[in-house]
């Protein structure tokens, strides 16, 4: 099974710890499936994950030689 715990409140996040058991050889595959399941469950329940945005303004481009 998968266990999910609230670890901490970040500045703009809820930090979760996700635990599961898997054979070493299957770890990457299982971890991917767990993340996909969590993401799909959030989407199915209309829970959005707001990602921070940064705007970068370039005041002046360097002059080429």
Protein backbone atom coordinates (compact mmCIF):
# COMPACT_ATOMS: atom_id res chain seq x y z
CA UNK A 1 0.00 0.00 0.00
CA UNK A 2 0.83 3.65 -0.26
CA UNK A 3 0.98 5.89 2.79
CA UNK A 4 0.88 9.67 2.52
CA UNK A 5 1.62 12.00 5.43
CA UNK A 6 1.55 15.78 5.75
CA UNK A 7 5.14 16.64 6.62
CA UNK A 8 5.16 20.43 6.77
CA UNK A 9 3.59 23.69 5.65
CA UNK A 10 5.91 25.45 3.18
CA UNK A 11 5.71 29.09 2.14
CA UNK A 12 3.55 28.14 -0.84
CA UNK A 13 3.06 24.42 -0.40
CA UNK A 14 1.90 21.47 1.62
CA UNK A 15 4.90 19.15 1.85
CA UNK A 16 3.93 15.50 1.79
CA UNK A 17 5.88 12.32 2.50
CA UNK A 18 4.86 9.37 0.34
CA UNK A 19 5.88 5.90 1.46
CA UNK A 20 5.57 2.56 -0.30
CA UNK A 21 7.38 -0.76 -0.52
CA UNK A 22 8.89 -1.98 -3.78
CA UNK A 23 11.63 -4.31 -4.92
CA UNK A 24 14.79 -2.36 -5.81
CA UNK A 25 14.57 -3.47 -9.44
CA UNK A 26 10.99 -2.08 -9.65
CA UNK A 27 11.55 1.13 -7.66
CA UNK A 28 11.59 3.59 -10.58
CA UNK A 29 8.53 2.06 -12.23
CA UNK A 30 6.53 1.86 -8.98
CA UNK A 31 7.50 5.42 -7.94
CA UNK A 32 6.31 6.70 -11.33
CA UNK A 33 2.98 4.86 -11.00
CA UNK A 34 2.49 6.20 -7.45
CA UNK A 35 3.09 9.80 -8.61
CA UNK A 36 0.75 9.34 -11.60
CA UNK A 37 -1.95 7.96 -9.29
CA UNK A 38 -1.64 10.89 -6.88
CA UNK A 39 -1.72 13.40 -9.76
CA UNK A 40 -4.76 11.72 -11.36
CA UNK A 41 -6.58 11.57 -8.02
CA UNK A 42 -6.00 15.29 -7.45
CA UNK A 43 -7.23 16.09 -10.98
CA UNK A 44 -10.29 13.83 -10.63
CA UNK A 45 -11.23 15.77 -7.49
CA UNK A 46 -10.64 19.20 -9.10
CA UNK A 47 -7.66 19.93 -6.86
CA UNK A 48 -5.15 22.09 -8.70
CA UNK A 49 -1.46 22.35 -7.96
CA UNK A 50 -0.47 26.00 -8.38
CA UNK A 51 3.11 26.23 -9.55
CA UNK A 52 4.96 29.45 -8.73
CA UNK A 53 5.72 31.71 -11.67
CA UNK A 54 8.59 34.09 -12.10
CA UNK A 55 8.79 36.83 -14.67
CA UNK A 56 12.24 37.77 -15.90
CA UNK A 57 12.70 41.16 -17.51
CA UNK A 58 15.80 41.74 -19.60
CA UNK A 59 16.62 45.43 -19.35
CA UNK A 60 19.37 45.38 -21.90
CA UNK A 61 20.85 42.74 -24.15
CA UNK A 62 24.64 42.49 -24.24
CA UNK A 63 26.24 44.05 -27.30
CA UNK A 64 27.94 41.54 -29.56
CA UNK A 65 31.43 42.20 -30.85
